[in-house]
PDB file of all heavy atoms in Angstrom:
ATOM      1  N   VAL A   1      26.195  -0.875 -22.191  1.00  0.00           N
ATOM      2  CA  VAL A   1      24.794  -1.465 -22.253  1.00  0.00           C
ATOM      3  C   VAL A   1      23.951  -0.527 -23.122  1.00  0.00           C
ATOM      4  O   VAL A   1      23.286  -1.028 -24.156  1.00  0.00           O
ATOM      5  CB  VAL A   1      24.184  -1.641 -20.965  1.00  0.00           C
ATOM      6  CG1 VAL A   1      22.753  -2.118 -21.141  1.00  0.00           C
ATOM      7  CG2 VAL A   1      24.990  -2.656 -20.178  1.00  0.00           C
ATOM      8  N   GLY A   2      24.012   0.709 -22.915  1.00  0.00           N
ATOM      9  CA  GLY A   2      23.202   1.784 -23.649  1.00  0.00           C
ATOM     10  C   GLY A   2      23.656   1.746 -25.142  1.00  0.00           C
ATOM     11  O   GLY A   2      22.792   1.786 -25.964  1.00  0.00           O
ATOM     12  N   ASN A   3      24.913   1.694 -25.412  1.00  0.00           N
ATOM     13  CA  ASN A   3      25.274   1.840 -26.709  1.00  0.00           C
ATOM     14  C   ASN A   3      24.889   0.506 -27.546  1.00  0.00           C
ATOM     15  O   ASN A   3      24.539   0.565 -28.607  1.00  0.00           O
ATOM     16  CB  ASN A   3      26.899   1.852 -26.850  1.00  0.00           C
ATOM     17  CG  ASN A   3      27.288   3.188 -26.349  1.00  0.00           C
ATOM     18  OD1 ASN A   3      26.589   4.180 -26.405  1.00  0.00           O
ATOM     19  ND2 ASN A   3      28.479   3.376 -25.839  1.00  0.00           N
ATOM     20  N   ALA A   4      25.134  -0.746 -26.810  1.00  0.00           N
ATOM     21  CA  ALA A   4      24.703  -1.919 -27.465  1.00  0.00           C
ATOM     22  C   ALA A   4      23.272  -2.022 -27.782  1.00  0.00           C
ATOM     23  O   ALA A   4      22.794  -2.413 -28.845  1.00  0.00           O
ATOM     24  CB  ALA A   4      25.147  -3.087 -26.540  1.00  0.00           C
ATOM     25  N   LEU A   5      22.419  -1.589 -26.877  1.00  0.00           N
ATOM     26  CA  LEU A   5      20.939  -1.561 -27.066  1.00  0.00           C
ATOM     27  C   LEU A   5      20.533  -0.586 -28.173  1.00  0.00           C
ATOM     28  O   LEU A   5      19.545  -0.836 -28.889  1.00  0.00           O
ATOM     29  CB  LEU A   5      20.227  -1.335 -25.829  1.00  0.00           C
ATOM     30  CG  LEU A   5      20.517  -2.361 -24.606  1.00  0.00           C
ATOM     31  CD1 LEU A   5      19.538  -2.046 -23.506  1.00  0.00           C
ATOM     32  CD2 LEU A   5      20.225  -3.743 -25.234  1.00  0.00           C
ATOM     33  N   HIS A   6      21.194   0.528 -28.351  1.00  0.00           N
ATOM     34  CA  HIS A   6      20.861   1.445 -29.390  1.00  0.00           C
ATOM     35  C   HIS A   6      21.163   0.817 -30.741  1.00  0.00           C
ATOM     36  O   HIS A   6      20.566   1.149 -31.772  1.00  0.00           O
ATOM     37  CB  HIS A   6      21.706   2.670 -29.212  1.00  0.00           C
ATOM     38  CG  HIS A   6      21.345   3.743 -30.228  1.00  0.00           C
ATOM     39  ND1 HIS A   6      20.281   4.515 -30.128  1.00  0.00           N
ATOM     40  CD2 HIS A   6      22.139   4.139 -31.318  1.00  0.00           C
ATOM     41  CE1 HIS A   6      20.179   5.317 -31.080  1.00  0.00           C
ATOM     42  NE2 HIS A   6      21.271   5.145 -31.857  1.00  0.00           N
ATOM     43  N   LYS A   7      22.031  -0.251 -30.774  1.00  0.00           N
ATOM     44  CA  LYS A   7      22.390  -0.822 -32.090  1.00  0.00           C
ATOM     45  C   LYS A   7      21.764  -2.281 -32.104  1.00  0.00           C
ATOM     46  O   LYS A   7      22.135  -3.154 -32.846  1.00  0.00           O
ATOM     47  CB  LYS A   7      23.852  -1.168 -32.218  1.00  0.00           C
ATOM     48  CG  LYS A   7      24.541   0.279 -32.211  1.00  0.00           C
ATOM     49  CD  LYS A   7      26.109   0.099 -32.143  1.00  0.00           C
ATOM     50  CE  LYS A   7      26.782   1.459 -32.105  1.00  0.00           C
ATOM     51  NZ  LYS A   7      28.255   1.327 -32.034  1.00  0.00           N
ATOM     52  N   ASN A   8      20.715  -2.487 -31.215  1.00  0.00           N
ATOM     53  CA  ASN A   8      20.058  -3.814 -31.125  1.00  0.00           C
ATOM     54  C   ASN A   8      19.738  -4.432 -32.449  1.00  0.00           C
ATOM     55  O   ASN A   8      19.011  -3.690 -33.253  1.00  0.00           O
ATOM     56  CB  ASN A   8      18.741  -3.646 -30.369  1.00  0.00           C
ATOM     57  CG  ASN A   8      18.069  -4.879 -30.149  1.00  0.00           C
ATOM     58  OD1 ASN A   8      18.306  -6.014 -30.714  1.00  0.00           O
ATOM     59  ND2 ASN A   8      17.057  -4.854 -29.265  1.00  0.00           N
ATOM     60  N   PRO A   9      20.386  -5.524 -32.940  1.00  0.00           N
ATOM     61  CA  PRO A   9      20.215  -6.114 -34.351  1.00  0.00           C
ATOM     62  C   PRO A   9      18.873  -6.904 -34.421  1.00  0.00           C
ATOM     63  O   PRO A   9      18.500  -7.330 -35.468  1.00  0.00           O
ATOM     64  CB  PRO A   9      21.419  -6.921 -34.483  1.00  0.00           C
ATOM     65  CG  PRO A   9      21.695  -7.413 -33.102  1.00  0.00           C
ATOM     66  CD  PRO A   9      21.385  -6.375 -32.141  1.00  0.00           C
ATOM     67  N   ASP A  10      18.209  -7.279 -33.245  1.00  0.00           N
ATOM     68  CA  ASP A  10      17.065  -8.172 -33.377  1.00  0.00           C
ATOM     69  C   ASP A  10      16.033  -7.728 -32.157  1.00  0.00           C
ATOM     70  O   ASP A  10      15.872  -8.427 -31.233  1.00  0.00           O
ATOM     71  CB  ASP A  10      17.571  -9.538 -33.042  1.00  0.00           C
ATOM     72  CG  ASP A  10      16.415 -10.555 -33.308  1.00  0.00           C
ATOM     73  OD1 ASP A  10      15.292 -10.205 -33.770  1.00  0.00           O
ATOM     74  OD2 ASP A  10      16.592 -11.775 -32.901  1.00  0.00           O
ATOM     75  N   PRO A  11      15.448  -6.578 -32.406  1.00  0.00           N
ATOM     76  CA  PRO A  11      14.529  -6.116 -31.335  1.00  0.00           C
ATOM     77  C   PRO A  11      13.306  -6.940 -31.076  1.00  0.00           C
ATOM     78  O   PRO A  11      12.760  -6.863 -30.022  1.00  0.00           O
ATOM     79  CB  PRO A  11      14.021  -4.751 -31.875  1.00  0.00           C
ATOM     80  CG  PRO A  11      14.299  -4.757 -33.393  1.00  0.00           C
ATOM     81  CD  PRO A  11      15.553  -5.581 -33.506  1.00  0.00           C
ATOM     82  N   ASP A  12      12.883  -7.893 -31.990  1.00  0.00           N
ATOM     83  CA  ASP A  12      11.873  -8.722 -31.765  1.00  0.00           C
ATOM     84  C   ASP A  12      12.247  -9.761 -30.696  1.00  0.00           C
ATOM     85  O   ASP A  12      11.346 -10.252 -29.963  1.00  0.00           O
ATOM     86  CB  ASP A  12      11.513  -9.522 -33.061  1.00  0.00           C
ATOM     87  CG  ASP A  12      10.799  -8.694 -33.985  1.00  0.00           C
ATOM     88  OD1 ASP A  12      10.211  -7.635 -33.592  1.00  0.00           O
ATOM     89  OD2 ASP A  12      10.765  -8.855 -35.272  1.00  0.00           O
ATOM     90  N   ASN A  13      13.532 -10.095 -30.605  1.00  0.00           N
ATOM     91  CA  ASN A  13      13.975 -11.108 -29.629  1.00  0.00           C
ATOM     92  C   ASN A  13      14.861 -10.651 -28.443  1.00  0.00           C
ATOM     93  O   ASN A  13      15.149 -11.356 -27.504  1.00  0.00           O
ATOM     94  CB  ASN A  13      14.717 -12.268 -30.376  1.00  0.00           C
ATOM     95  CG  ASN A  13      13.761 -13.013 -31.330  1.00  0.00           C
ATOM     96  OD1 ASN A  13      12.768 -13.533 -30.900  1.00  0.00           O
ATOM     97  ND2 ASN A  13      14.174 -13.142 -32.580  1.00  0.00           N
ATOM     98  N   ILE A  14      15.367  -9.417 -28.772  1.00  0.00           N
ATOM     99  CA  ILE A  14      16.018  -8.801 -27.623  1.00  0.00           C
ATOM    100  C   ILE A  14      15.374  -7.527 -27.115  1.00  0.00           C
ATOM    101  O   ILE A  14      15.419  -6.471 -27.711  1.00  0.00           O
ATOM    102  CB  ILE A  14      17.491  -8.293 -28.088  1.00  0.00           C
ATOM    103  CG1 ILE A  14      18.279  -9.551 -28.833  1.00  0.00           C
ATOM    104  CG2 ILE A  14      18.256  -7.659 -27.022  1.00  0.00           C
ATOM    105  CD1 ILE A  14      19.457  -9.152 -29.509  1.00  0.00           C
ATOM    106  N   PRO A  15      14.538  -7.764 -26.073  1.00  0.00           N
ATOM    107  CA  PRO A  15      13.498  -6.670 -25.599  1.00  0.00           C
ATOM    108  C   PRO A  15      14.252  -5.474 -24.892  1.00  0.00           C
ATOM    109  O   PRO A  15      14.070  -5.336 -23.774  1.00  0.00           O
ATOM    110  CB  PRO A  15      12.606  -7.492 -24.779  1.00  0.00           C
ATOM    111  CG  PRO A  15      13.467  -8.550 -24.125  1.00  0.00           C
ATOM    112  CD  PRO A  15      14.511  -8.900 -25.166  1.00  0.00           C
ATOM    113  N   CYS A  16      14.851  -4.707 -25.664  1.00  0.00           N
ATOM    114  CA  CYS A  16      15.703  -3.508 -24.977  1.00  0.00           C
ATOM    115  C   CYS A  16      14.807  -2.593 -24.353  1.00  0.00           C
ATOM    116  O   CYS A  16      15.134  -1.730 -23.633  1.00  0.00           O
ATOM    117  CB  CYS A  16      16.695  -2.980 -25.939  1.00  0.00           C
ATOM    118  SG  CYS A  16      15.914  -2.326 -27.456  1.00  0.00           S
ATOM    119  N   PHE A  17      13.504  -2.562 -24.795  1.00  0.00           N
ATOM    120  CA  PHE A  17      12.525  -1.555 -24.247  1.00  0.00           C
ATOM    121  C   PHE A  17      12.238  -1.849 -22.877  1.00  0.00           C
ATOM    122  O   PHE A  17      11.784  -1.049 -22.077  1.00  0.00           O
ATOM    123  CB  PHE A  17      11.208  -1.609 -25.003  1.00  0.00           C
ATOM    124  CG  PHE A  17      10.356  -2.952 -24.832  1.00  0.00           C
ATOM    125  CD1 PHE A  17       9.528  -3.102 -23.826  1.00  0.00           C
ATOM    126  CD2 PHE A  17      10.581  -3.981 -25.738  1.00  0.00           C
ATOM    127  CE1 PHE A  17       8.808  -4.273 -23.767  1.00  0.00           C
ATOM    128  CE2 PHE A  17       9.898  -5.167 -25.644  1.00  0.00           C
ATOM    129  CZ  PHE A  17       9.026  -5.261 -24.580  1.00  0.00           C
ATOM    130  N   ARG A  18      12.668  -3.016 -22.177  1.00  0.00           N
ATOM    131  CA  ARG A  18      12.553  -3.283 -20.771  1.00  0.00           C
ATOM    132  C   ARG A  18      13.648  -2.831 -19.962  1.00  0.00           C
ATOM    133  O   ARG A  18      13.812  -3.082 -18.779  1.00  0.00           O
ATOM    134  CB  ARG A  18      12.332  -4.785 -20.678  1.00  0.00           C
ATOM    135  CG  ARG A  18      11.033  -5.418 -21.262  1.00  0.00           C
ATOM    136  CD  ARG A  18      11.045  -6.955 -21.118  1.00  0.00           C
ATOM    137  NE  ARG A  18       9.880  -7.553 -21.887  1.00  0.00           N
ATOM    138  CZ  ARG A  18       9.829  -8.778 -22.238  1.00  0.00           C
ATOM    139  NH1 ARG A  18      10.906  -9.621 -22.173  1.00  0.00           N
ATOM    140  NH2 ARG A  18       8.732  -9.237 -22.915  1.00  0.00           N
ATOM    141  N   VAL A  19      14.613  -2.117 -20.606  1.00  0.00           N
ATOM    142  CA  VAL A  19      15.699  -1.593 -19.841  1.00  0.00           C
ATOM    143  C   VAL A  19      15.569  -0.185 -19.604  1.00  0.00           C
ATOM    144  O   VAL A  19      15.268   0.662 -20.538  1.00  0.00           O
ATOM    145  CB  VAL A  19      17.071  -1.863 -20.620  1.00  0.00           C
ATOM    146  CG1 VAL A  19      18.258  -1.300 -19.865  1.00  0.00           C
ATOM    147  CG2 VAL A  19      17.215  -3.224 -20.900  1.00  0.00           C
ATOM    148  N   VAL A  20      15.628   0.348 -18.307  1.00  0.00           N
ATOM    149  CA  VAL A  20      15.497   1.777 -17.954  1.00  0.00           C
ATOM    150  C   VAL A  20      16.740   2.165 -17.027  1.00  0.00           C
ATOM    151  O   VAL A  20      17.519   1.475 -16.650  1.00  0.00           O
ATOM    152  CB  VAL A  20      14.159   1.966 -17.182  1.00  0.00           C
ATOM    153  CG1 VAL A  20      13.071   1.563 -18.089  1.00  0.00           C
ATOM    154  CG2 VAL A  20      14.096   1.119 -15.836  1.00  0.00           C
ATOM    155  N   ASP A  21      16.792   3.501 -16.766  1.00  0.00           N
ATOM    156  CA  ASP A  21      17.971   3.946 -15.944  1.00  0.00           C
ATOM    157  C   ASP A  21      17.563   3.645 -14.465  1.00  0.00           C
ATOM    158  O   ASP A  21      16.519   3.114 -14.080  1.00  0.00           O
ATOM    159  CB  ASP A  21      18.311   5.374 -16.230  1.00  0.00           C
ATOM    160  CG  ASP A  21      17.289   6.387 -15.544  1.00  0.00           C
ATOM    161  OD1 ASP A  21      16.297   5.915 -14.894  1.00  0.00           O
ATOM    162  OD2 ASP A  21      17.386   7.649 -15.863  1.00  0.00           O
ATOM    163  N   SER A  22      18.531   4.082 -13.562  1.00  0.00           N
ATOM    164  CA  SER A  22      18.365   3.752 -12.118  1.00  0.00           C
ATOM    165  C   SER A  22      17.251   4.363 -11.437  1.00  0.00           C
ATOM    166  O   SER A  22      16.941   3.915 -10.255  1.00  0.00           O
ATOM    167  CB  SER A  22      19.690   4.037 -11.445  1.00  0.00           C
ATOM    168  OG  SER A  22      19.963   5.491 -11.545  1.00  0.00           O
ATOM    169  N   LYS A  23      16.573   5.312 -12.057  1.00  0.00           N
ATOM    170  CA  LYS A  23      15.511   5.933 -11.529  1.00  0.00           C
ATOM    171  C   LYS A  23      14.162   5.450 -12.212  1.00  0.00           C
ATOM    172  O   LYS A  23      13.194   6.240 -11.952  1.00  0.00           O
ATOM    173  CB  LYS A  23      15.668   7.476 -11.453  1.00  0.00           C
ATOM    174  CG  LYS A  23      16.788   7.865 -10.617  1.00  0.00           C
ATOM    175  CD  LYS A  23      16.881   9.426 -10.649  1.00  0.00           C
ATOM    176  CE  LYS A  23      18.127   9.854  -9.777  1.00  0.00           C
ATOM    177  NZ  LYS A  23      18.387  11.312  -9.812  1.00  0.00           N
ATOM    178  N   GLY A  24      14.240   4.561 -13.080  1.00  0.00           N
ATOM    179  CA  GLY A  24      13.065   4.181 -13.761  1.00  0.00           C
ATOM    180  C   GLY A  24      12.698   4.988 -14.911  1.00  0.00           C
ATOM    181  O   GLY A  24      11.742   4.801 -15.612  1.00  0.00           O
ATOM    182  N   LYS A  25      13.588   5.963 -15.296  1.00  0.00           N
ATOM    183  CA  LYS A  25      13.338   6.956 -16.446  1.00  0.00           C
ATOM    184  C   LYS A  25      13.596   6.047 -17.881  1.00  0.00           C
ATOM    185  O   LYS A  25      14.561   5.303 -17.994  1.00  0.00           O
ATOM    186  CB  LYS A  25      14.346   8.035 -16.413  1.00  0.00           C
ATOM    187  CG  LYS A  25      14.022   9.073 -17.486  1.00  0.00           C
ATOM    188  CD  LYS A  25      14.985  10.261 -17.281  1.00  0.00           C
ATOM    189  CE  LYS A  25      14.697  11.350 -18.360  1.00  0.00           C
ATOM    190  NZ  LYS A  25      15.623  12.511 -18.080  1.00  0.00           N
ATOM    191  N   LEU A  26      12.762   6.374 -18.865  1.00  0.00           N
ATOM    192  CA  LEU A  26      12.832   5.853 -20.059  1.00  0.00           C
ATOM    193  C   LEU A  26      13.965   6.456 -20.992  1.00  0.00           C
ATOM    194  O   LEU A  26      14.481   7.531 -20.573  1.00  0.00           O
ATOM    195  CB  LEU A  26      11.575   5.807 -20.836  1.00  0.00           C
ATOM    196  CG  LEU A  26      10.423   5.407 -20.097  1.00  0.00           C
ATOM    197  CD1 LEU A  26       9.181   5.341 -21.171  1.00  0.00           C
ATOM    198  CD2 LEU A  26      10.541   4.005 -19.552  1.00  0.00           C
ATOM    199  N   ALA A  27      14.382   5.737 -22.055  1.00  0.00           N
ATOM    200  CA  ALA A  27      15.357   6.402 -22.919  1.00  0.00           C
ATOM    201  C   ALA A  27      14.778   7.633 -23.541  1.00  0.00           C
ATOM    202  O   ALA A  27      13.551   7.654 -23.964  1.00  0.00           O
ATOM    203  CB  ALA A  27      15.771   5.292 -23.936  1.00  0.00           C
ATOM    204  N   GLY A  28      15.632   8.647 -23.704  1.00  0.00           N
ATOM    205  CA  GLY A  28      15.204   9.849 -24.191  1.00  0.00           C
ATOM    206  C   GLY A  28      14.646   9.891 -25.673  1.00  0.00           C
ATOM    207  O   GLY A  28      13.513  10.359 -26.073  1.00  0.00           O
ATOM    208  N   GLY A  29      15.300   9.101 -26.471  1.00  0.00           N
ATOM    209  CA  GLY A  29      14.980   8.823 -27.867  1.00  0.00           C
ATOM    210  C   GLY A  29      15.037   7.422 -28.177  1.00  0.00           C
ATOM    211  O   GLY A  29      16.102   6.857 -28.588  1.00  0.00           O
ATOM    212  N   PHE A  30      14.005   6.540 -27.861  1.00  0.00           N
ATOM    213  CA  PHE A  30      14.048   5.120 -28.160  1.00  0.00           C
ATOM    214  C   PHE A  30      14.551   4.780 -29.456  1.00  0.00           C
ATOM    215  O   PHE A  30      14.017   5.424 -30.560  1.00  0.00           O
ATOM    216  CB  PHE A  30      12.760   4.577 -27.716  1.00  0.00           C
ATOM    217  CG  PHE A  30      12.871   3.033 -27.723  1.00  0.00           C
ATOM    218  CD1 PHE A  30      13.567   2.307 -26.804  1.00  0.00           C
ATOM    219  CD2 PHE A  30      12.016   2.203 -28.571  1.00  0.00           C
ATOM    220  CE1 PHE A  30      13.556   0.995 -26.753  1.00  0.00           C
ATOM    221  CE2 PHE A  30      12.047   0.924 -28.467  1.00  0.00           C
ATOM    222  CZ  PHE A  30      12.761   0.208 -27.555  1.00  0.00           C
ATOM    223  N   ALA A  31      15.527   3.779 -29.663  1.00  0.00           N
ATOM    224  CA  ALA A  31      16.088   3.572 -30.933  1.00  0.00           C
ATOM    225  C   ALA A  31      15.192   3.059 -32.011  1.00  0.00           C
ATOM    226  O   ALA A  31      15.377   3.262 -33.242  1.00  0.00           O
ATOM    227  CB  ALA A  31      17.247   2.453 -30.798  1.00  0.00           C
ATOM    228  N   PHE A  32      14.022   2.480 -31.689  1.00  0.00           N
ATOM    229  CA  PHE A  32      13.228   1.872 -32.708  1.00  0.00           C
ATOM    230  C   PHE A  32      11.776   2.451 -32.711  1.00  0.00           C
ATOM    231  O   PHE A  32      10.864   1.999 -32.135  1.00  0.00           O
ATOM    232  CB  PHE A  32      13.007   0.327 -32.335  1.00  0.00           C
ATOM    233  CG  PHE A  32      14.428  -0.361 -32.287  1.00  0.00           C
ATOM    234  CD1 PHE A  32      14.908  -0.520 -31.032  1.00  0.00           C
ATOM    235  CD2 PHE A  32      15.075  -0.625 -33.349  1.00  0.00           C
ATOM    236  CE1 PHE A  32      16.242  -1.121 -30.968  1.00  0.00           C
ATOM    237  CE2 PHE A  32      16.392  -1.200 -33.275  1.00  0.00           C
ATOM    238  CZ  PHE A  32      16.924  -1.409 -32.025  1.00  0.00           C
ATOM    239  N   GLY A  33      11.829   3.613 -33.550  1.00  0.00           N
ATOM    240  CA  GLY A  33      10.518   4.223 -33.643  1.00  0.00           C
ATOM    241  C   GLY A  33      10.151   5.554 -33.009  1.00  0.00           C
ATOM    242  O   GLY A  33       9.184   6.179 -33.269  1.00  0.00           O
TER     243      GLY A  33
END
């Protein structure tokens, strides 16, 4: 899942920013920006 979201081809329609780890932690280096 993490690998796929890092390669998200359509961030406007695939809201990968809404995915966090099991403790609610955000991605260390968000793929888009």
